[in-house]
Amino acid sequence: MKRIAIAIGALCVLTAAHAQDTTKPATDAQTPAVATPDTQNPAAPVAGENSFTEGQAKERIEAKGYAEVTGLTKGEDGIWSASATKDGKPTTVKLDFQGNITDAPK
């Protein structure tokens, strides 16, 4: 009888854990800094207190396929900006505090 009670209790715990919903990131500009590596904030780049160092900013930009990253500066709005190339084309690239990377052709 004790084994049956333990088995039923374990089954209840597993069922409750399985039923939990995962939260989806918000799509507005007020999205807080959260770990959503494959999600781009639609309002990017978003101004805010940026904790990325210059080296980290450059590494993230290069990891997204940009090359020749030069002139990397952090503006008063907390957004890192640089000149770079992607697919051989010159571009201006920006990195915000959420990790969003955007670009605009030069």
N, C-alpha and C. Protein backbone atom coordinates (compact mmCIF):
# COMPACT_ATOMS: atom_id res chain seq x y z
N MET A 1 0.82 -1.19 0.00
CA MET A 1 0.00 0.00 0.00
C MET A 1 0.87 1.26 0.00
N LYS A 2 1.97 1.21 0.76
CA LYS A 2 2.86 2.35 0.85
C LYS A 2 3.49 2.63 -0.53
N ARG A 3 3.84 1.60 -1.26
CA ARG A 3 4.43 1.76 -2.59
C ARG A 3 3.44 2.39 -3.57
N ILE A 4 2.20 2.01 -3.46
CA ILE A 4 1.17 2.58 -4.35
C ILE A 4 1.01 4.07 -4.07
N ALA A 5 1.00 4.44 -2.81
CA ALA A 5 0.85 5.86 -2.43
C ALA A 5 2.04 6.67 -2.95
N ILE A 6 3.24 6.12 -2.83
CA ILE A 6 4.44 6.80 -3.33
C ILE A 6 4.38 6.93 -4.85
N ALA A 7 3.96 5.88 -5.52
CA ALA A 7 3.87 5.92 -6.98
C ALA A 7 2.84 6.94 -7.44
N ILE A 8 1.71 7.01 -6.79
CA ILE A 8 0.67 7.99 -7.14
C ILE A 8 1.18 9.41 -6.88
N GLY A 9 1.87 9.61 -5.76
CA GLY A 9 2.44 10.92 -5.45
C GLY A 9 3.45 11.36 -6.50
N ALA A 10 4.32 10.44 -6.91
CA ALA A 10 5.33 10.75 -7.93
C ALA A 10 4.65 11.08 -9.26
N LEU A 11 3.63 10.33 -9.61
CA LEU A 11 2.89 10.58 -10.85
C LEU A 11 2.23 11.96 -10.82
N CYS A 12 1.69 12.36 -9.71
CA CYS A 12 1.07 13.69 -9.58
C CYS A 12 2.10 14.78 -9.77
N VAL A 13 3.27 14.61 -9.18
CA VAL A 13 4.33 15.62 -9.30
C VAL A 13 4.78 15.72 -10.76
N LEU A 14 5.00 14.60 -11.42
CA LEU A 14 5.42 14.61 -12.82
C LEU A 14 4.37 15.23 -13.72
N THR A 15 3.11 14.94 -13.48
CA THR A 15 2.03 15.50 -14.29
C THR A 15 1.96 17.00 -14.12
N ALA A 16 2.09 17.50 -12.90
CA ALA A 16 2.04 18.93 -12.64
C ALA A 16 3.23 19.64 -13.29
N ALA A 17 4.40 19.04 -13.23
CA ALA A 17 5.58 19.65 -13.84
C ALA A 17 5.45 19.69 -15.36
N HIS A 18 4.87 18.68 -15.94
CA HIS A 18 4.69 18.62 -17.40
C HIS A 18 3.67 19.64 -17.88
N ALA A 19 2.71 19.96 -17.06
CA ALA A 19 1.63 20.86 -17.46
C ALA A 19 2.02 22.33 -17.43
N GLN A 20 3.21 22.66 -16.93
CA GLN A 20 3.64 24.06 -16.85
C GLN A 20 3.82 24.63 -18.23
N ASP A 21 3.35 25.85 -18.44
CA ASP A 21 3.53 26.55 -19.71
C ASP A 21 4.83 27.33 -19.68
N THR A 22 5.48 27.43 -20.83
CA THR A 22 6.65 28.29 -20.92
C THR A 22 6.20 29.67 -21.36
N THR A 23 6.84 30.69 -20.84
CA THR A 23 6.48 32.04 -21.21
C THR A 23 7.18 32.43 -22.50
N LYS A 24 6.52 33.23 -23.29
CA LYS A 24 7.10 33.71 -24.54
C LYS A 24 7.52 35.16 -24.35
N PRO A 25 8.62 35.57 -25.01
CA PRO A 25 9.05 36.95 -24.85
C PRO A 25 8.03 37.92 -25.41
N ALA A 26 7.93 39.06 -24.78
CA ALA A 26 7.02 40.11 -25.25
C ALA A 26 7.55 40.67 -26.56
N THR A 27 6.67 41.27 -27.34
CA THR A 27 7.08 41.82 -28.62
C THR A 27 7.02 43.34 -28.65
N ASP A 28 6.90 43.97 -27.48
CA ASP A 28 6.88 45.43 -27.47
C ASP A 28 8.27 45.97 -27.15
N ALA A 29 8.43 47.27 -27.28
CA ALA A 29 9.73 47.90 -27.09
C ALA A 29 10.18 47.89 -25.64
N GLN A 30 9.30 47.61 -24.72
CA GLN A 30 9.64 47.64 -23.30
C GLN A 30 10.12 46.28 -22.79
N THR A 31 10.42 45.35 -23.67
CA THR A 31 10.90 44.05 -23.26
C THR A 31 12.15 44.20 -22.40
N PRO A 32 12.18 43.60 -21.21
CA PRO A 32 13.36 43.70 -20.36
C PRO A 32 14.50 42.84 -20.91
N ALA A 33 15.67 43.06 -20.38
CA ALA A 33 16.83 42.27 -20.79
C ALA A 33 16.65 40.84 -20.28
N VAL A 34 16.37 39.93 -21.18
CA VAL A 34 16.19 38.53 -20.85
C VAL A 34 16.97 37.69 -21.83
N ALA A 35 17.26 36.48 -21.46
CA ALA A 35 18.01 35.58 -22.32
C ALA A 35 17.08 34.98 -23.38
N THR A 36 17.03 35.60 -24.52
CA THR A 36 16.25 35.08 -25.65
C THR A 36 17.16 35.14 -26.87
N PRO A 37 18.12 34.21 -26.96
CA PRO A 37 19.15 34.31 -27.99
C PRO A 37 18.65 34.30 -29.43
N ASP A 38 17.52 33.69 -29.71
CA ASP A 38 17.05 33.61 -31.09
C ASP A 38 15.89 34.56 -31.36
N THR A 39 15.65 35.50 -30.45
CA THR A 39 14.53 36.41 -30.60
C THR A 39 15.05 37.84 -30.73
N GLN A 40 14.57 38.57 -31.70
CA GLN A 40 14.95 39.96 -31.91
C GLN A 40 13.80 40.86 -31.49
N ASN A 41 14.07 41.83 -30.67
CA ASN A 41 13.05 42.79 -30.27
C ASN A 41 12.67 43.60 -31.51
N PRO A 42 11.40 43.70 -31.85
CA PRO A 42 11.00 44.42 -33.06
C PRO A 42 11.30 45.91 -33.01
N ALA A 43 11.54 46.47 -31.83
CA ALA A 43 11.84 47.89 -31.71
C ALA A 43 13.35 48.14 -31.59
N ALA A 44 14.16 47.14 -31.86
CA ALA A 44 15.61 47.26 -31.70
C ALA A 44 16.17 48.28 -32.69
N PRO A 45 17.22 48.98 -32.31
CA PRO A 45 17.92 48.91 -31.02
C PRO A 45 17.18 49.69 -29.94
N VAL A 46 17.18 49.13 -28.74
CA VAL A 46 16.46 49.71 -27.61
C VAL A 46 17.46 50.41 -26.70
N ALA A 47 17.22 51.67 -26.41
CA ALA A 47 18.10 52.42 -25.51
C ALA A 47 17.95 51.90 -24.09
N GLY A 48 19.06 51.88 -23.36
CA GLY A 48 19.03 51.44 -21.97
C GLY A 48 20.42 51.23 -21.44
N GLU A 49 20.53 51.04 -20.15
CA GLU A 49 21.81 50.82 -19.49
C GLU A 49 22.46 49.57 -20.04
N ASN A 50 23.61 49.72 -20.68
CA ASN A 50 24.27 48.61 -21.37
C ASN A 50 25.49 48.16 -20.58
N SER A 51 25.54 46.88 -20.23
CA SER A 51 26.65 46.35 -19.44
C SER A 51 27.70 45.63 -20.28
N PHE A 52 27.51 45.57 -21.61
CA PHE A 52 28.51 44.93 -22.46
C PHE A 52 29.78 45.77 -22.49
N THR A 53 30.92 45.11 -22.36
CA THR A 53 32.19 45.81 -22.54
C THR A 53 32.43 45.96 -24.04
N GLU A 54 33.41 46.77 -24.40
CA GLU A 54 33.72 46.95 -25.82
C GLU A 54 34.10 45.62 -26.46
N GLY A 55 34.89 44.82 -25.76
CA GLY A 55 35.29 43.51 -26.28
C GLY A 55 34.11 42.57 -26.48
N GLN A 56 33.20 42.55 -25.51
CA GLN A 56 32.01 41.69 -25.61
C GLN A 56 31.12 42.15 -26.76
N ALA A 57 30.97 43.46 -26.91
CA ALA A 57 30.14 43.99 -28.00
C ALA A 57 30.72 43.58 -29.36
N LYS A 58 32.03 43.72 -29.51
CA LYS A 58 32.68 43.35 -30.77
C LYS A 58 32.53 41.86 -31.04
N GLU A 59 32.72 41.04 -30.02
CA GLU A 59 32.57 39.58 -30.18
C GLU A 59 31.16 39.21 -30.63
N ARG A 60 30.15 39.81 -30.02
CA ARG A 60 28.76 39.51 -30.39
C ARG A 60 28.47 39.93 -31.82
N ILE A 61 28.95 41.10 -32.20
CA ILE A 61 28.73 41.58 -33.56
C ILE A 61 29.40 40.65 -34.57
N GLU A 62 30.65 40.28 -34.31
CA GLU A 62 31.38 39.39 -35.21
C GLU A 62 30.73 38.00 -35.27
N ALA A 63 30.16 37.55 -34.14
CA ALA A 63 29.51 36.24 -34.10
C ALA A 63 28.27 36.20 -35.01
N LYS A 64 27.69 37.35 -35.30
CA LYS A 64 26.52 37.42 -36.20
C LYS A 64 26.92 37.59 -37.66
N GLY A 65 28.22 37.44 -37.97
CA GLY A 65 28.65 37.44 -39.36
C GLY A 65 29.21 38.75 -39.88
N TYR A 66 29.41 39.73 -39.01
CA TYR A 66 29.98 41.00 -39.44
C TYR A 66 31.50 40.92 -39.36
N ALA A 67 32.17 41.58 -40.29
CA ALA A 67 33.64 41.59 -40.32
C ALA A 67 34.11 43.04 -40.34
N GLU A 68 35.40 43.22 -40.14
CA GLU A 68 36.01 44.55 -40.18
C GLU A 68 35.26 45.54 -39.29
N VAL A 69 34.98 45.13 -38.06
CA VAL A 69 34.26 45.97 -37.10
C VAL A 69 35.23 47.03 -36.60
N THR A 70 34.94 48.30 -36.92
CA THR A 70 35.81 49.41 -36.53
C THR A 70 34.98 50.55 -35.96
N GLY A 71 35.66 51.42 -35.20
CA GLY A 71 35.01 52.61 -34.67
C GLY A 71 33.90 52.30 -33.68
N LEU A 72 34.07 51.25 -32.90
CA LEU A 72 33.03 50.83 -31.96
C LEU A 72 32.96 51.81 -30.79
N THR A 73 31.80 52.44 -30.63
CA THR A 73 31.59 53.40 -29.55
C THR A 73 30.22 53.18 -28.92
N LYS A 74 30.14 53.47 -27.61
CA LYS A 74 28.85 53.36 -26.91
C LYS A 74 28.30 54.77 -26.73
N GLY A 75 27.10 54.99 -27.25
CA GLY A 75 26.45 56.29 -27.15
C GLY A 75 25.84 56.52 -25.78
N GLU A 76 25.39 57.75 -25.55
CA GLU A 76 24.75 58.09 -24.28
C GLU A 76 23.47 57.29 -24.05
N ASP A 77 22.88 56.78 -25.13
CA ASP A 77 21.67 55.96 -25.02
C ASP A 77 21.98 54.51 -24.68
N GLY A 78 23.27 54.17 -24.54
CA GLY A 78 23.68 52.81 -24.18
C GLY A 78 23.81 51.87 -25.37
N ILE A 79 23.65 52.37 -26.58
CA ILE A 79 23.73 51.53 -27.78
C ILE A 79 25.14 51.60 -28.37
N TRP A 80 25.73 50.42 -28.57
CA TRP A 80 27.03 50.33 -29.22
C TRP A 80 26.83 50.49 -30.73
N SER A 81 27.67 51.29 -31.38
CA SER A 81 27.61 51.50 -32.83
C SER A 81 28.99 51.30 -33.42
N ALA A 82 29.03 50.77 -34.63
CA ALA A 82 30.31 50.55 -35.30
C ALA A 82 30.11 50.50 -36.81
N SER A 83 31.20 50.66 -37.53
CA SER A 83 31.21 50.41 -38.96
C SER A 83 31.66 48.98 -39.15
N ALA A 84 31.09 48.30 -40.12
CA ALA A 84 31.45 46.90 -40.36
C ALA A 84 31.10 46.55 -41.80
N THR A 85 31.42 45.32 -42.17
CA THR A 85 30.99 44.79 -43.46
C THR A 85 30.28 43.48 -43.23
N LYS A 86 29.29 43.21 -44.05
CA LYS A 86 28.60 41.92 -44.02
C LYS A 86 28.35 41.53 -45.45
N ASP A 87 28.77 40.34 -45.80
CA ASP A 87 28.68 39.86 -47.18
C ASP A 87 29.37 40.83 -48.13
N GLY A 88 30.48 41.43 -47.67
CA GLY A 88 31.27 42.33 -48.49
C GLY A 88 30.70 43.73 -48.65
N LYS A 89 29.58 44.02 -48.00
CA LYS A 89 28.95 45.34 -48.14
C LYS A 89 29.14 46.15 -46.86
N PRO A 90 29.52 47.44 -46.99
CA PRO A 90 29.69 48.28 -45.80
C PRO A 90 28.35 48.57 -45.12
N THR A 91 28.38 48.57 -43.81
CA THR A 91 27.16 48.79 -43.04
C THR A 91 27.48 49.46 -41.70
N THR A 92 26.47 50.06 -41.11
CA THR A 92 26.57 50.55 -39.74
C THR A 92 25.79 49.56 -38.89
N VAL A 93 26.44 49.05 -37.85
CA VAL A 93 25.83 48.02 -37.02
C VAL A 93 25.65 48.56 -35.61
N LYS A 94 24.57 48.14 -34.95
CA LYS A 94 24.26 48.60 -33.58
C LYS A 94 23.93 47.39 -32.70
N LEU A 95 24.34 47.49 -31.43
CA LEU A 95 24.07 46.45 -30.43
C LEU A 95 23.48 47.13 -29.21
N ASP A 96 22.29 46.69 -28.79
CA ASP A 96 21.66 47.30 -27.61
C ASP A 96 21.87 46.44 -26.37
N PHE A 97 21.34 46.91 -25.23
CA PHE A 97 21.56 46.22 -23.96
C PHE A 97 20.91 44.85 -23.89
N GLN A 98 19.92 44.59 -24.77
CA GLN A 98 19.25 43.30 -24.79
C GLN A 98 20.00 42.29 -25.65
N GLY A 99 21.02 42.75 -26.36
CA GLY A 99 21.77 41.86 -27.25
C GLY A 99 21.25 41.88 -28.68
N ASN A 100 20.27 42.75 -28.97
CA ASN A 100 19.75 42.88 -30.33
C ASN A 100 20.80 43.53 -31.22
N ILE A 101 21.01 42.97 -32.40
CA ILE A 101 21.97 43.54 -33.36
C ILE A 101 21.19 43.94 -34.59
N THR A 102 21.36 45.20 -34.98
CA THR A 102 20.69 45.72 -36.18
C THR A 102 21.74 46.37 -37.07
N ASP A 103 21.40 46.50 -38.34
CA ASP A 103 22.32 47.17 -39.24
C ASP A 103 21.57 48.02 -40.26
N ALA A 104 22.31 48.92 -40.88
CA ALA A 104 21.78 49.78 -41.92
C ALA A 104 22.89 49.98 -42.95
N PRO A 105 22.58 49.86 -44.23
CA PRO A 105 23.62 50.06 -45.24
C PRO A 105 24.19 51.46 -45.17
N LYS A 106 25.45 51.55 -45.52
CA LYS A 106 26.10 52.88 -45.55
C LYS A 106 25.87 53.54 -46.86
